[in-house]
N, C-alpha and C. Protein backbone atom coordinates (compact mmCIF):
# COMPACT_ATOMS: atom_id res chain seq x y z
N MET A 1 31.40 -31.41 -25.39
CA MET A 1 32.45 -30.16 -25.45
C MET A 1 31.85 -29.11 -24.58
N SER A 2 32.61 -28.47 -23.87
CA SER A 2 32.14 -27.30 -23.05
C SER A 2 33.08 -26.21 -23.28
N SER A 3 32.52 -25.02 -23.08
CA SER A 3 33.34 -23.81 -23.25
C SER A 3 33.21 -22.97 -21.95
N ILE A 4 34.14 -22.20 -21.62
CA ILE A 4 34.25 -21.33 -20.44
C ILE A 4 34.72 -19.94 -20.95
N ILE A 5 33.96 -19.05 -20.56
CA ILE A 5 34.25 -17.66 -20.83
C ILE A 5 34.48 -16.97 -19.47
N LYS A 6 35.68 -16.28 -19.29
CA LYS A 6 36.01 -15.64 -18.09
C LYS A 6 36.28 -14.21 -18.46
N VAL A 7 35.67 -13.28 -17.68
CA VAL A 7 35.84 -11.79 -18.00
C VAL A 7 35.77 -11.20 -16.65
N ASP A 8 36.51 -9.94 -16.50
CA ASP A 8 36.51 -9.23 -15.31
C ASP A 8 35.20 -8.37 -15.26
N THR A 9 34.85 -7.67 -16.25
CA THR A 9 33.73 -6.88 -16.31
C THR A 9 33.03 -6.91 -17.68
N ILE A 10 31.74 -6.57 -17.57
CA ILE A 10 30.99 -6.47 -18.91
C ILE A 10 30.38 -5.10 -18.95
N GLN A 11 30.59 -4.29 -20.07
CA GLN A 11 30.10 -2.94 -20.16
C GLN A 11 29.31 -2.87 -21.39
N THR A 12 28.43 -1.78 -21.39
CA THR A 12 27.72 -1.35 -22.68
C THR A 12 28.62 -0.72 -23.57
N ALA A 13 28.19 -0.50 -24.84
CA ALA A 13 29.11 0.18 -25.73
C ALA A 13 29.38 1.57 -25.31
N ALA A 14 28.54 2.08 -24.44
CA ALA A 14 28.81 3.45 -23.84
C ALA A 14 29.79 3.47 -22.64
N GLY A 15 29.98 2.27 -22.18
CA GLY A 15 30.94 2.19 -21.01
C GLY A 15 30.25 1.95 -19.76
N GLY A 16 28.91 1.90 -19.79
CA GLY A 16 28.04 1.70 -18.42
C GLY A 16 27.84 0.30 -18.11
N VAL A 17 27.27 0.13 -16.94
CA VAL A 17 26.95 -1.16 -16.54
C VAL A 17 25.75 -1.74 -17.20
N PRO A 18 25.64 -2.88 -17.76
CA PRO A 18 24.49 -3.33 -18.48
C PRO A 18 23.44 -3.77 -17.53
N THR A 19 22.20 -3.63 -18.02
CA THR A 19 20.92 -4.26 -17.33
C THR A 19 20.88 -5.58 -17.74
N ALA A 20 19.85 -6.28 -17.13
CA ALA A 20 19.53 -7.61 -17.62
C ALA A 20 18.96 -7.62 -18.98
N GLY A 21 18.13 -6.62 -19.30
CA GLY A 21 17.55 -6.33 -20.57
C GLY A 21 18.69 -6.12 -21.58
N ASP A 22 19.74 -5.38 -21.26
CA ASP A 22 20.86 -5.12 -22.18
C ASP A 22 21.51 -6.48 -22.62
N LEU A 23 21.44 -7.41 -21.66
CA LEU A 23 22.13 -8.75 -21.90
C LEU A 23 21.06 -9.77 -22.66
N GLY A 24 19.98 -9.23 -23.01
CA GLY A 24 19.01 -10.04 -23.69
C GLY A 24 18.16 -10.92 -22.77
N LEU A 25 18.15 -10.77 -21.50
CA LEU A 25 17.30 -11.46 -20.50
C LEU A 25 15.88 -10.84 -20.43
N ASN A 26 14.92 -11.64 -20.41
CA ASN A 26 13.59 -11.22 -20.24
C ASN A 26 13.26 -10.97 -18.70
N THR A 27 13.05 -9.73 -18.30
CA THR A 27 12.83 -9.41 -16.90
C THR A 27 11.33 -9.11 -16.61
N THR A 28 10.39 -9.28 -17.54
CA THR A 28 9.04 -8.84 -17.41
C THR A 28 8.51 -9.56 -16.24
N GLY A 29 7.88 -8.95 -15.25
CA GLY A 29 7.25 -9.56 -14.18
C GLY A 29 8.14 -9.76 -13.02
N THR A 30 9.44 -9.41 -13.08
CA THR A 30 10.41 -9.59 -12.01
C THR A 30 10.22 -8.47 -11.02
N VAL A 31 10.35 -8.76 -9.80
CA VAL A 31 10.32 -7.80 -8.69
C VAL A 31 11.72 -7.16 -8.67
N LEU A 32 11.82 -5.80 -8.99
CA LEU A 32 13.01 -5.26 -9.04
C LEU A 32 13.49 -4.65 -7.62
N GLN A 33 12.51 -4.23 -6.73
CA GLN A 33 12.84 -3.64 -5.53
C GLN A 33 11.56 -3.71 -4.75
N THR A 34 11.76 -3.85 -3.46
CA THR A 34 10.73 -3.89 -2.35
C THR A 34 11.05 -2.83 -1.26
N VAL A 35 10.16 -2.16 -0.96
CA VAL A 35 10.33 -1.12 0.23
C VAL A 35 9.06 -1.32 1.15
N THR A 36 9.14 -1.01 2.45
CA THR A 36 8.15 -1.13 3.35
C THR A 36 8.06 0.09 4.29
N GLY A 37 6.88 0.40 4.72
CA GLY A 37 6.70 1.46 5.78
C GLY A 37 5.71 0.79 6.80
N ARG A 38 5.95 1.03 7.99
CA ARG A 38 5.16 0.47 9.10
C ARG A 38 4.85 1.48 10.18
N SER A 39 3.62 1.47 10.70
CA SER A 39 3.28 2.32 11.80
C SER A 39 3.74 1.74 13.11
N THR A 40 4.31 2.65 14.07
CA THR A 40 4.75 2.15 15.30
C THR A 40 3.91 2.61 16.57
N THR A 41 2.90 3.36 16.28
CA THR A 41 1.94 3.86 17.26
C THR A 41 0.46 3.61 16.94
N VAL A 42 -0.52 3.74 17.87
CA VAL A 42 -1.76 3.63 17.61
C VAL A 42 -2.33 4.90 16.96
N LEU A 43 -3.16 4.82 15.85
CA LEU A 43 -3.80 6.02 15.37
C LEU A 43 -5.21 5.86 16.02
N ASP A 44 -5.59 6.94 16.82
CA ASP A 44 -6.85 7.05 17.55
C ASP A 44 -7.64 8.26 16.89
N THR A 45 -8.64 8.13 16.09
CA THR A 45 -9.25 9.33 15.53
C THR A 45 -10.75 9.25 15.46
N THR A 46 -11.36 10.47 15.67
CA THR A 46 -12.77 10.65 15.27
C THR A 46 -12.88 11.52 14.12
N SER A 47 -11.83 11.95 13.56
CA SER A 47 -11.79 12.79 12.37
C SER A 47 -12.57 12.21 11.26
N THR A 48 -13.24 13.03 10.48
CA THR A 48 -13.88 12.61 9.16
C THR A 48 -13.08 12.99 8.02
N SER A 49 -11.82 13.52 8.29
CA SER A 49 -10.77 13.77 7.20
C SER A 49 -9.77 12.60 7.27
N MET A 50 -9.20 12.38 6.14
CA MET A 50 -8.22 11.29 6.05
C MET A 50 -7.01 11.64 6.83
N GLU A 51 -6.41 10.63 7.59
CA GLU A 51 -5.26 10.71 8.41
C GLU A 51 -4.25 9.68 7.95
N THR A 52 -2.99 10.08 7.73
CA THR A 52 -1.92 8.99 7.42
C THR A 52 -1.59 8.09 8.54
N VAL A 53 -1.62 6.76 8.13
CA VAL A 53 -1.25 5.79 9.17
C VAL A 53 0.16 5.26 8.94
N ALA A 54 0.45 5.01 7.70
CA ALA A 54 1.88 4.45 7.33
C ALA A 54 2.05 4.90 5.88
N PHE A 55 3.23 5.07 5.59
CA PHE A 55 3.75 5.37 4.17
C PHE A 55 5.11 4.78 3.89
N ALA A 56 5.35 4.67 2.45
CA ALA A 56 6.60 4.27 2.03
C ALA A 56 6.93 5.03 0.75
N ASN A 57 8.20 5.20 0.37
CA ASN A 57 8.65 5.88 -0.78
C ASN A 57 9.44 4.84 -1.62
N ILE A 58 9.03 4.93 -2.94
CA ILE A 58 9.74 4.23 -3.95
C ILE A 58 10.09 5.01 -5.16
N THR A 59 11.20 4.70 -5.83
CA THR A 59 11.48 5.42 -7.05
C THR A 59 11.70 4.35 -8.09
N PRO A 60 10.70 4.51 -9.14
CA PRO A 60 10.73 3.44 -10.17
C PRO A 60 12.15 3.67 -11.03
N SER A 61 12.63 2.55 -11.55
CA SER A 61 13.87 2.69 -12.34
C SER A 61 13.56 3.01 -13.73
N THR A 62 12.38 2.65 -14.34
CA THR A 62 11.94 3.17 -15.62
C THR A 62 10.48 3.64 -15.55
N THR A 63 10.16 4.36 -16.63
CA THR A 63 8.75 4.90 -16.60
C THR A 63 7.77 3.76 -17.01
N SER A 64 8.28 2.68 -17.47
CA SER A 64 7.26 1.63 -17.82
C SER A 64 6.88 0.60 -16.81
N ASN A 65 7.59 0.60 -15.74
CA ASN A 65 7.39 -0.32 -14.58
C ASN A 65 6.10 0.10 -13.86
N ALA A 66 5.61 -0.90 -13.13
CA ALA A 66 4.40 -0.81 -12.26
C ALA A 66 4.94 -0.90 -10.81
N ILE A 67 4.06 -0.26 -9.85
CA ILE A 67 4.26 -0.42 -8.43
C ILE A 67 3.09 -1.24 -7.90
N LEU A 68 3.44 -2.31 -7.30
CA LEU A 68 2.43 -3.10 -6.60
C LEU A 68 2.31 -2.53 -5.22
N ILE A 69 1.07 -2.09 -4.74
CA ILE A 69 0.97 -1.59 -3.47
C ILE A 69 0.19 -2.75 -2.56
N ASN A 70 0.62 -3.01 -1.50
CA ASN A 70 -0.02 -3.94 -0.50
C ASN A 70 -0.15 -3.19 0.84
N VAL A 71 -1.25 -3.11 1.38
CA VAL A 71 -1.49 -2.45 2.68
C VAL A 71 -2.16 -3.56 3.48
N ASN A 72 -1.76 -3.63 4.79
CA ASN A 72 -2.31 -4.56 5.86
C ASN A 72 -2.45 -3.77 7.13
N ALA A 73 -3.63 -3.74 7.73
CA ALA A 73 -3.81 -3.12 9.01
C ALA A 73 -4.86 -3.73 9.84
N LEU A 74 -4.70 -3.72 11.15
CA LEU A 74 -5.66 -4.10 12.03
C LEU A 74 -6.39 -2.96 12.58
N VAL A 75 -7.74 -2.80 12.33
CA VAL A 75 -8.46 -1.51 12.62
C VAL A 75 -9.67 -1.91 13.54
N TYR A 76 -9.73 -1.19 14.54
CA TYR A 76 -10.85 -1.29 15.57
C TYR A 76 -11.82 -0.11 15.40
N LYS A 77 -12.97 -0.30 15.21
CA LYS A 77 -14.03 0.72 15.15
C LYS A 77 -15.03 0.59 16.14
N TYR A 78 -15.16 1.72 16.90
CA TYR A 78 -16.32 1.81 17.91
C TYR A 78 -17.28 2.80 17.44
N ASN A 79 -18.47 2.45 17.23
CA ASN A 79 -19.52 3.22 16.77
C ASN A 79 -20.43 3.56 17.89
N THR A 80 -20.73 4.93 18.01
CA THR A 80 -21.67 5.34 19.01
C THR A 80 -23.02 5.53 18.43
N SER A 81 -23.21 5.34 17.17
CA SER A 81 -24.53 5.58 16.64
C SER A 81 -24.96 4.42 15.75
N GLY A 82 -24.46 3.34 16.00
CA GLY A 82 -24.80 2.11 15.19
C GLY A 82 -24.33 1.82 13.83
N GLY A 83 -24.77 2.56 12.83
CA GLY A 83 -24.48 2.33 11.53
C GLY A 83 -23.30 2.83 10.83
N SER A 84 -22.51 3.64 11.49
CA SER A 84 -21.42 4.28 10.85
C SER A 84 -20.10 3.40 10.96
N GLY A 85 -19.18 3.63 10.06
CA GLY A 85 -17.93 2.93 10.11
C GLY A 85 -16.89 3.83 9.90
N GLY A 86 -15.95 3.47 8.97
CA GLY A 86 -14.79 4.18 8.59
C GLY A 86 -14.51 4.02 7.08
N ALA A 87 -13.44 4.58 6.72
CA ALA A 87 -13.09 4.46 5.30
C ALA A 87 -11.45 4.53 5.15
N ALA A 88 -10.95 3.87 4.19
CA ALA A 88 -9.41 3.99 4.01
C ALA A 88 -9.11 4.19 2.59
N ASN A 89 -7.98 4.73 2.23
CA ASN A 89 -7.56 4.84 0.82
C ASN A 89 -6.03 4.82 0.82
N PHE A 90 -5.50 4.76 -0.53
CA PHE A 90 -4.07 5.14 -0.56
C PHE A 90 -4.01 6.44 -1.32
N LEU A 91 -2.92 7.24 -1.04
CA LEU A 91 -2.61 8.44 -1.65
C LEU A 91 -1.32 8.42 -2.27
N VAL A 92 -1.17 8.61 -3.61
CA VAL A 92 0.13 8.58 -4.29
C VAL A 92 0.52 9.95 -4.39
N SER A 93 1.54 10.33 -3.64
CA SER A 93 1.86 11.79 -3.55
C SER A 93 2.47 12.39 -4.83
N ALA A 94 3.22 11.55 -5.38
CA ALA A 94 4.12 12.20 -6.63
C ALA A 94 3.26 12.84 -7.65
N ASN A 95 2.07 12.31 -7.96
CA ASN A 95 1.23 12.89 -8.95
C ASN A 95 -0.13 13.04 -8.29
N ASN A 96 -0.32 13.01 -6.98
CA ASN A 96 -1.59 13.44 -6.20
C ASN A 96 -2.65 12.55 -6.64
N VAL A 97 -2.53 11.32 -6.87
CA VAL A 97 -3.60 10.39 -7.28
C VAL A 97 -4.27 9.87 -5.95
N SER A 98 -5.43 10.01 -5.77
CA SER A 98 -6.09 9.25 -4.63
C SER A 98 -6.74 8.12 -5.15
N ILE A 99 -6.30 6.92 -4.76
CA ILE A 99 -7.09 5.83 -5.06
C ILE A 99 -8.26 5.62 -4.29
N PRO A 100 -9.46 5.16 -5.02
CA PRO A 100 -10.81 5.22 -4.30
C PRO A 100 -10.72 4.63 -2.87
N GLU A 101 -11.56 5.16 -2.02
CA GLU A 101 -11.77 4.76 -0.71
C GLU A 101 -12.43 3.28 -0.71
N ALA A 102 -12.03 2.57 0.21
CA ALA A 102 -12.68 1.33 0.66
C ALA A 102 -13.25 1.49 2.03
N GLU A 103 -14.50 1.30 2.04
CA GLU A 103 -15.25 1.50 3.49
C GLU A 103 -15.13 0.28 4.15
N PHE A 104 -14.93 0.37 5.55
CA PHE A 104 -15.01 -0.73 6.45
C PHE A 104 -16.09 -0.28 7.45
N ALA A 105 -17.29 -1.14 7.28
CA ALA A 105 -18.39 -0.94 8.14
C ALA A 105 -19.14 -2.25 8.21
N GLN A 106 -19.95 -2.39 9.19
CA GLN A 106 -20.72 -3.53 9.37
C GLN A 106 -21.66 -3.82 8.25
N ASP A 107 -22.15 -2.73 7.52
CA ASP A 107 -23.01 -2.84 6.39
C ASP A 107 -22.46 -2.70 5.07
N SER A 108 -21.12 -2.93 4.89
CA SER A 108 -20.38 -2.61 3.70
C SER A 108 -20.53 -3.90 2.78
N GLY A 109 -21.06 -4.95 3.23
CA GLY A 109 -21.20 -6.20 2.26
C GLY A 109 -19.97 -7.01 2.26
N THR A 110 -19.03 -6.76 3.14
CA THR A 110 -17.91 -7.59 3.22
C THR A 110 -17.93 -8.43 4.51
N SER A 111 -17.15 -9.44 4.52
CA SER A 111 -17.23 -10.36 5.74
C SER A 111 -15.89 -10.55 6.41
N ASN A 112 -14.94 -9.60 6.10
CA ASN A 112 -13.64 -9.94 6.78
C ASN A 112 -13.46 -8.98 7.87
N TYR A 113 -14.40 -9.03 8.84
CA TYR A 113 -14.32 -8.22 9.96
C TYR A 113 -15.02 -9.07 11.02
N LEU A 114 -14.80 -8.69 12.39
CA LEU A 114 -15.46 -9.30 13.49
C LEU A 114 -16.19 -8.12 14.16
N TYR A 115 -17.41 -8.19 14.48
CA TYR A 115 -18.11 -7.12 15.25
C TYR A 115 -18.94 -7.63 16.35
N TRP A 116 -19.27 -6.70 17.22
CA TRP A 116 -20.07 -7.05 18.36
C TRP A 116 -20.95 -5.80 18.85
N THR A 117 -22.00 -5.89 19.57
CA THR A 117 -22.63 -4.74 20.00
C THR A 117 -22.39 -4.66 21.60
N ASP A 118 -22.29 -3.48 22.06
CA ASP A 118 -22.12 -3.22 23.51
C ASP A 118 -23.51 -2.88 24.08
N SER A 119 -24.46 -2.41 23.20
CA SER A 119 -25.78 -2.06 23.53
C SER A 119 -26.63 -1.85 22.35
N ALA A 120 -27.81 -1.50 22.39
CA ALA A 120 -28.70 -1.33 21.26
C ALA A 120 -28.23 -0.20 20.44
N SER A 121 -27.45 0.78 21.00
CA SER A 121 -27.09 2.01 20.18
C SER A 121 -25.61 1.97 19.83
N SER A 122 -24.89 1.09 20.33
CA SER A 122 -23.45 1.10 19.92
C SER A 122 -22.90 -0.15 19.35
N LEU A 123 -22.01 -0.10 18.49
CA LEU A 123 -21.48 -1.37 17.81
C LEU A 123 -20.02 -1.19 17.70
N SER A 124 -19.28 -2.09 17.84
CA SER A 124 -17.83 -2.20 17.79
C SER A 124 -17.42 -3.40 16.76
N PHE A 125 -16.35 -3.11 16.09
CA PHE A 125 -15.81 -4.27 15.09
C PHE A 125 -14.41 -4.13 14.98
N LEU A 126 -13.75 -5.23 14.71
CA LEU A 126 -12.32 -5.44 14.54
C LEU A 126 -12.23 -5.90 13.08
N TYR A 127 -11.40 -5.12 12.34
CA TYR A 127 -11.36 -5.39 10.94
C TYR A 127 -9.96 -5.59 10.49
N ASN A 128 -9.69 -6.59 9.66
CA ASN A 128 -8.38 -6.90 9.14
C ASN A 128 -8.35 -6.32 7.72
N PHE A 129 -7.85 -4.97 7.56
CA PHE A 129 -7.91 -4.27 6.40
C PHE A 129 -6.76 -4.71 5.52
N SER A 130 -7.02 -5.30 4.34
CA SER A 130 -5.96 -5.72 3.53
C SER A 130 -6.25 -5.37 2.04
N ARG A 131 -5.56 -4.56 1.37
CA ARG A 131 -5.89 -4.22 0.02
C ARG A 131 -4.58 -4.18 -0.92
N THR A 132 -4.79 -4.63 -2.17
CA THR A 132 -3.65 -4.65 -3.08
C THR A 132 -4.05 -3.74 -4.27
N TYR A 133 -3.10 -3.00 -4.81
CA TYR A 133 -3.43 -2.15 -6.10
C TYR A 133 -2.17 -2.18 -6.89
N LEU A 134 -2.35 -2.28 -8.23
CA LEU A 134 -1.25 -2.01 -9.16
C LEU A 134 -1.22 -0.69 -9.71
N HIS A 135 -0.28 0.06 -9.53
CA HIS A 135 -0.19 1.48 -9.98
C HIS A 135 0.89 1.54 -10.95
N PHE A 136 0.53 2.31 -12.11
CA PHE A 136 1.37 2.66 -13.16
C PHE A 136 1.67 4.20 -13.12
N PRO A 137 2.77 4.50 -12.50
CA PRO A 137 3.20 5.82 -12.45
C PRO A 137 3.71 6.63 -13.62
N SER A 138 4.12 5.77 -14.60
CA SER A 138 4.64 6.51 -15.77
C SER A 138 5.63 7.51 -15.66
N SER A 139 6.51 7.31 -14.54
CA SER A 139 7.51 8.30 -14.21
C SER A 139 8.59 7.64 -13.36
N THR A 140 9.79 8.32 -13.38
CA THR A 140 10.84 7.84 -12.58
C THR A 140 10.97 8.71 -11.26
N ASP A 141 10.01 9.50 -11.01
CA ASP A 141 9.86 10.41 -9.86
C ASP A 141 9.66 9.51 -8.64
N GLN A 142 10.15 9.88 -7.53
CA GLN A 142 9.90 9.27 -6.35
C GLN A 142 8.37 9.16 -6.07
N GLN A 143 7.80 8.09 -5.68
CA GLN A 143 6.37 7.78 -5.42
C GLN A 143 6.29 7.61 -3.89
N THR A 144 5.53 8.47 -3.28
CA THR A 144 5.24 8.24 -1.83
C THR A 144 3.81 7.80 -1.72
N ILE A 145 3.55 6.52 -1.18
CA ILE A 145 2.34 6.03 -1.02
C ILE A 145 1.93 6.02 0.40
N ARG A 146 0.75 6.70 0.68
CA ARG A 146 0.27 6.93 2.08
C ARG A 146 -0.97 5.96 2.22
N PHE A 147 -0.98 5.22 3.36
CA PHE A 147 -2.15 4.52 3.69
C PHE A 147 -3.04 5.42 4.66
N ARG A 148 -4.24 5.75 4.40
CA ARG A 148 -5.00 6.80 5.21
C ARG A 148 -6.25 6.15 5.64
N VAL A 149 -6.82 6.71 6.81
CA VAL A 149 -8.06 6.26 7.32
C VAL A 149 -8.86 7.48 7.78
N LYS A 150 -10.12 7.32 7.94
CA LYS A 150 -11.01 8.37 8.63
C LYS A 150 -12.12 7.59 9.24
N SER A 151 -12.81 8.45 10.14
CA SER A 151 -14.09 7.78 10.77
C SER A 151 -15.13 8.45 9.82
N LEU A 152 -16.23 7.61 9.84
CA LEU A 152 -17.46 8.18 9.23
C LEU A 152 -18.24 8.63 10.48
N ALA A 153 -19.30 9.23 10.41
CA ALA A 153 -20.09 9.87 11.41
C ALA A 153 -20.26 8.89 12.58
N GLY A 154 -20.11 9.33 13.77
CA GLY A 154 -20.56 8.55 15.05
C GLY A 154 -19.63 7.67 15.55
N GLY A 155 -18.35 7.90 15.81
CA GLY A 155 -17.52 6.91 16.37
C GLY A 155 -16.05 7.17 16.30
N ARG A 156 -15.19 6.20 16.79
CA ARG A 156 -13.83 6.37 16.87
C ARG A 156 -13.15 5.24 15.99
N THR A 157 -12.14 5.58 15.40
CA THR A 157 -11.40 4.47 14.56
C THR A 157 -10.01 4.44 15.26
N TYR A 158 -9.62 3.27 15.45
CA TYR A 158 -8.17 2.95 15.95
C TYR A 158 -7.48 2.05 15.00
N VAL A 159 -6.24 2.37 14.65
CA VAL A 159 -5.46 1.53 13.77
C VAL A 159 -4.25 1.09 14.66
N TYR A 160 -4.12 -0.19 14.91
CA TYR A 160 -3.18 -0.67 15.70
C TYR A 160 -1.74 -0.60 15.06
N PRO A 161 -0.59 -0.58 16.06
CA PRO A 161 0.73 -0.54 15.53
C PRO A 161 1.00 -1.65 14.65
N GLY A 162 1.95 -1.54 13.73
CA GLY A 162 2.22 -2.66 12.76
C GLY A 162 1.47 -2.54 11.57
N ALA A 163 0.57 -1.54 11.27
CA ALA A 163 0.01 -1.34 9.90
C ALA A 163 1.15 -1.17 8.87
N GLN A 164 1.13 -1.77 7.76
CA GLN A 164 2.16 -1.67 6.90
C GLN A 164 1.85 -1.32 5.51
N VAL A 165 2.76 -0.73 4.78
CA VAL A 165 2.63 -0.48 3.29
C VAL A 165 3.77 -1.15 2.79
N ILE A 166 3.52 -2.12 1.83
CA ILE A 166 4.61 -2.81 1.12
C ILE A 166 4.54 -2.40 -0.41
N LEU A 167 5.58 -1.85 -0.98
CA LEU A 167 5.69 -1.52 -2.25
C LEU A 167 6.75 -2.29 -3.10
N GLN A 168 6.30 -2.80 -4.23
CA GLN A 168 7.18 -3.56 -5.09
C GLN A 168 7.18 -3.01 -6.46
N GLU A 169 8.40 -2.74 -6.97
CA GLU A 169 8.52 -2.26 -8.37
C GLU A 169 8.49 -3.59 -9.21
N ILE A 170 7.70 -3.62 -10.26
CA ILE A 170 7.57 -4.85 -11.07
C ILE A 170 7.90 -4.45 -12.43
N ALA A 171 8.81 -5.11 -13.01
CA ALA A 171 9.28 -4.86 -14.45
C ALA A 171 8.17 -5.20 -15.45
N GLN A 172 7.93 -4.33 -16.36
CA GLN A 172 7.04 -4.47 -17.34
C GLN A 172 7.67 -4.74 -18.73
């Protein structure tokens, strides 16, 4: 035996559009929205202050949801003094939270870069910067997530076009 229910609309008792949760569906862990930001030009810097490479905006639908932040960038670092590198971080503008810096340098203990020396006093490396962070804003205010880089002493940092920030709202 089978039953068929046909309706034109479903509304909450208050007359609004129901969410999946209103209908008794478990949405925990579901990706509710995805937004991206991508750089279109080369960032070329010798600055030791953070500079924005790419950013994206997302507005959480509830205060309990999380924002999964993914950043991918191809970074070229030319060092004129051998041991210096660069650093990168995320900045969440809505509540001015700076997620700790991740350094990219030949002596940082990581192995996801390619480097070479031009002479005894200079060193260059190409680094595939990729980081993921789960952010809990506890707010429905728009969140602006900025991917930023800076040079450490003694060199230039280049970030190639196509660096991207991918934000996903995850139901909790």
